[in-house]
N, C-alpha and C. Protein backbone atom coordinates (compact mmCIF):
# COMPACT_ATOMS: atom_id res chain seq x y z
N MET A 1 0.67 -1.25 0.07
CA MET A 1 0.00 0.08 -0.06
C MET A 1 1.01 1.23 0.02
N THR A 2 1.76 1.19 0.63
CA THR A 2 2.87 2.50 0.66
C THR A 2 3.31 2.67 -0.52
N LEU A 3 3.80 1.72 -1.15
CA LEU A 3 4.55 1.87 -2.58
C LEU A 3 3.57 2.35 -3.41
N TRP A 4 2.33 2.00 -3.44
CA TRP A 4 1.19 2.46 -4.33
C TRP A 4 1.06 3.97 -4.18
N PHE A 5 0.87 4.29 -2.80
CA PHE A 5 0.69 5.62 -2.36
C PHE A 5 1.64 6.56 -2.83
N HIS A 6 2.97 6.21 -2.83
CA HIS A 6 4.01 6.92 -3.26
C HIS A 6 4.19 7.09 -4.66
N SER A 7 3.85 6.04 -5.31
CA SER A 7 3.97 6.04 -6.69
C SER A 7 3.01 6.88 -7.30
N THR A 8 1.82 7.11 -6.62
CA THR A 8 0.66 7.84 -6.97
C THR A 8 1.13 9.50 -6.86
N ILE A 9 1.77 9.68 -5.82
CA ILE A 9 2.20 11.22 -5.53
C ILE A 9 3.43 11.56 -6.59
N LEU A 10 4.19 10.48 -6.72
CA LEU A 10 5.27 10.73 -7.65
C LEU A 10 4.78 10.91 -9.24
N ALA A 11 3.73 10.19 -9.46
CA ALA A 11 3.07 10.29 -10.77
C ALA A 11 2.21 11.65 -11.05
N ASN A 12 1.69 12.05 -10.06
CA ASN A 12 0.96 13.31 -10.12
C ASN A 12 1.89 14.50 -10.09
N SER A 13 3.00 14.55 -9.40
CA SER A 13 3.97 15.50 -9.46
C SER A 13 4.62 15.55 -10.76
N LEU A 14 4.95 14.51 -11.38
CA LEU A 14 5.42 14.35 -12.60
C LEU A 14 4.58 15.01 -13.81
N ALA A 15 3.42 14.74 -13.62
CA ALA A 15 2.13 15.35 -14.38
C ALA A 15 1.99 16.67 -14.41
N ALA A 16 1.99 17.14 -13.02
CA ALA A 16 2.08 18.60 -12.95
C ALA A 16 3.26 19.61 -13.45
N CYS A 17 4.32 18.66 -13.35
CA CYS A 17 5.47 19.40 -13.81
C CYS A 17 5.55 19.44 -15.33
N VAL A 18 5.17 18.31 -16.01
CA VAL A 18 5.03 18.49 -17.24
C VAL A 18 3.92 19.29 -17.94
N ALA A 19 2.76 19.42 -17.07
CA ALA A 19 1.81 20.49 -17.49
C ALA A 19 2.31 21.94 -17.40
N VAL A 20 3.08 22.42 -16.44
CA VAL A 20 3.52 23.59 -16.29
C VAL A 20 4.64 23.92 -17.32
N GLY A 21 5.41 22.78 -17.64
CA GLY A 21 6.24 23.12 -18.82
C GLY A 21 5.69 23.22 -20.12
N PHE A 22 4.65 22.66 -20.37
CA PHE A 22 3.81 22.90 -21.66
C PHE A 22 3.14 24.24 -21.61
N ALA A 23 2.85 24.55 -20.48
CA ALA A 23 1.97 25.88 -20.37
C ALA A 23 2.94 27.08 -20.47
N SER A 24 4.30 26.83 -19.96
CA SER A 24 5.27 28.18 -19.94
C SER A 24 5.66 27.97 -21.44
N ALA A 25 5.92 26.72 -22.11
CA ALA A 25 6.52 26.70 -23.48
C ALA A 25 5.48 27.30 -24.33
N SER A 26 4.39 27.38 -24.10
CA SER A 26 3.27 27.99 -25.00
C SER A 26 3.23 29.38 -25.06
N ILE A 27 3.85 30.03 -24.18
CA ILE A 27 3.85 31.43 -24.10
C ILE A 27 4.66 31.85 -25.25
N TYR A 28 5.83 31.13 -25.52
CA TYR A 28 7.06 31.60 -26.45
C TYR A 28 6.65 31.30 -27.97
N THR A 29 5.41 30.54 -28.25
CA THR A 29 5.20 29.97 -29.45
C THR A 29 4.19 31.11 -30.08
N GLU A 30 3.73 32.18 -29.41
CA GLU A 30 2.83 33.00 -29.85
C GLU A 30 3.53 33.78 -30.85
N VAL A 31 3.17 34.20 -31.96
CA VAL A 31 3.89 35.34 -33.11
C VAL A 31 3.80 36.60 -32.69
N GLY A 32 4.76 37.30 -32.60
CA GLY A 32 4.58 38.77 -32.28
C GLY A 32 4.65 39.14 -30.87
N THR A 33 5.08 38.16 -29.98
CA THR A 33 5.18 38.56 -28.52
C THR A 33 6.49 38.10 -28.11
N GLU A 34 7.24 38.82 -28.90
CA GLU A 34 8.72 38.55 -28.45
C GLU A 34 9.14 39.47 -27.12
N ALA A 35 10.18 38.86 -26.47
CA ALA A 35 10.52 39.62 -25.11
C ALA A 35 11.15 40.90 -25.71
N ALA A 36 10.95 41.98 -25.00
CA ALA A 36 11.37 43.12 -25.12
C ALA A 36 12.93 43.18 -24.86
N ALA A 37 13.69 44.13 -25.62
CA ALA A 37 15.04 44.34 -25.30
C ALA A 37 15.24 44.84 -24.13
N LYS A 38 16.60 44.59 -23.23
CA LYS A 38 16.67 45.00 -22.04
C LYS A 38 17.48 46.48 -21.93
N THR A 39 16.49 47.38 -22.11
CA THR A 39 16.84 48.72 -22.22
C THR A 39 15.83 49.48 -21.30
N ASP A 40 16.37 50.74 -21.01
CA ASP A 40 15.34 51.49 -20.39
C ASP A 40 14.29 52.08 -21.37
N ARG A 41 13.13 51.81 -21.34
CA ARG A 41 12.16 52.43 -22.35
C ARG A 41 11.27 53.29 -21.52
N LEU A 42 11.44 53.85 -20.53
CA LEU A 42 10.62 54.99 -20.08
C LEU A 42 10.91 56.29 -20.68
N PRO A 43 10.08 56.70 -21.54
CA PRO A 43 10.43 57.99 -22.34
C PRO A 43 10.67 59.23 -21.36
N LEU A 44 11.64 59.89 -22.00
CA LEU A 44 12.09 61.34 -21.49
C LEU A 44 10.98 62.21 -22.23
N SER A 45 10.41 62.95 -21.60
CA SER A 45 9.31 63.97 -22.44
C SER A 45 10.01 65.19 -23.03
N GLY A 46 10.51 65.05 -24.10
CA GLY A 46 11.19 66.13 -25.05
C GLY A 46 12.49 66.67 -24.48
N THR A 47 13.13 65.84 -23.84
CA THR A 47 14.67 66.39 -23.42
C THR A 47 15.58 65.12 -23.84
N THR A 48 16.62 65.62 -24.00
CA THR A 48 17.77 64.69 -24.06
C THR A 48 18.68 64.52 -23.17
N ASP A 49 18.64 65.27 -22.08
CA ASP A 49 19.39 65.31 -20.95
C ASP A 49 19.48 64.07 -20.25
N LYS A 50 20.75 63.62 -19.71
CA LYS A 50 20.86 62.27 -19.08
C LYS A 50 20.83 62.39 -17.50
N ASN A 51 20.50 63.69 -16.98
CA ASN A 51 20.46 63.82 -15.53
C ASN A 51 19.15 63.44 -14.84
N PHE A 52 18.76 62.20 -15.22
CA PHE A 52 17.40 61.74 -14.65
C PHE A 52 17.63 60.31 -14.07
N VAL A 53 16.64 60.07 -13.06
CA VAL A 53 16.93 58.46 -12.49
C VAL A 53 15.44 58.13 -12.44
N THR A 54 15.42 56.71 -12.68
CA THR A 54 14.17 56.16 -12.66
C THR A 54 13.94 55.64 -11.22
N VAL A 55 12.70 56.07 -10.64
CA VAL A 55 12.20 55.69 -9.23
C VAL A 55 11.15 54.81 -9.39
N GLU A 56 11.23 53.69 -8.60
CA GLU A 56 9.94 52.75 -8.63
C GLU A 56 9.51 52.69 -7.37
N ILE A 57 8.20 52.79 -7.21
CA ILE A 57 7.41 52.52 -6.09
C ILE A 57 6.53 51.11 -6.25
N ARG A 58 6.68 50.36 -5.18
CA ARG A 58 6.04 49.06 -5.53
C ARG A 58 4.78 48.81 -4.34
N GLU A 59 3.71 48.22 -4.73
CA GLU A 59 2.75 47.84 -3.86
C GLU A 59 2.17 46.67 -4.25
N ASP A 60 1.30 46.03 -3.40
CA ASP A 60 0.93 44.66 -3.88
C ASP A 60 0.15 44.85 -5.20
N GLY A 61 0.70 43.92 -6.34
CA GLY A 61 0.27 44.05 -7.57
C GLY A 61 0.13 45.11 -8.30
N LEU A 62 1.19 46.33 -8.07
CA LEU A 62 1.28 47.43 -8.70
C LEU A 62 2.73 47.99 -8.66
N SER A 63 3.21 48.37 -9.80
CA SER A 63 4.65 48.96 -9.66
C SER A 63 4.45 50.10 -10.52
N VAL A 64 4.88 51.49 -10.01
CA VAL A 64 4.76 52.55 -10.44
C VAL A 64 6.03 53.06 -10.94
N LEU A 65 6.60 53.55 -12.13
CA LEU A 65 8.06 53.99 -12.29
C LEU A 65 7.68 55.44 -12.74
N ASN A 66 8.55 56.46 -12.10
CA ASN A 66 8.58 57.70 -12.37
C ASN A 66 10.04 58.19 -12.79
N ARG A 67 10.16 59.05 -13.69
CA ARG A 67 11.53 59.46 -14.16
C ARG A 67 11.61 61.00 -13.48
N MET A 68 12.85 61.02 -12.53
CA MET A 68 12.96 62.13 -11.71
C MET A 68 14.19 62.72 -12.00
N PRO A 69 14.23 64.01 -12.15
CA PRO A 69 15.59 64.73 -12.63
C PRO A 69 16.61 64.62 -11.19
N ILE A 70 17.67 64.61 -11.55
CA ILE A 70 18.85 64.49 -10.39
C ILE A 70 19.26 65.90 -10.14
N ILE A 71 18.99 66.13 -8.88
CA ILE A 71 19.22 67.72 -8.56
C ILE A 71 20.58 67.64 -7.70
N GLU A 72 21.44 68.33 -8.16
CA GLU A 72 22.92 68.58 -7.45
C GLU A 72 22.87 69.39 -6.39
N THR A 73 23.19 69.04 -5.38
CA THR A 73 23.26 69.95 -4.14
C THR A 73 24.77 70.10 -3.71
N ASN A 74 25.46 70.97 -4.47
CA ASN A 74 26.83 71.42 -4.29
C ASN A 74 26.93 72.73 -3.44
């Protein structure tokens, strides 16, 4: 009985792993949904000045990015 019980648990775990693998692999088969390049894509509104920093504020289920100017205090 113990062998049967553990074999059932092992088979269910293997089936779940295979199902998750298929589900995650199906994400990459859709045409036109390639991953974005790893660059900073937050636009600067009309300026080419590099004196900005990106500030991220995180809450449960929400992430807000703000582009803030760097203020030098010399």
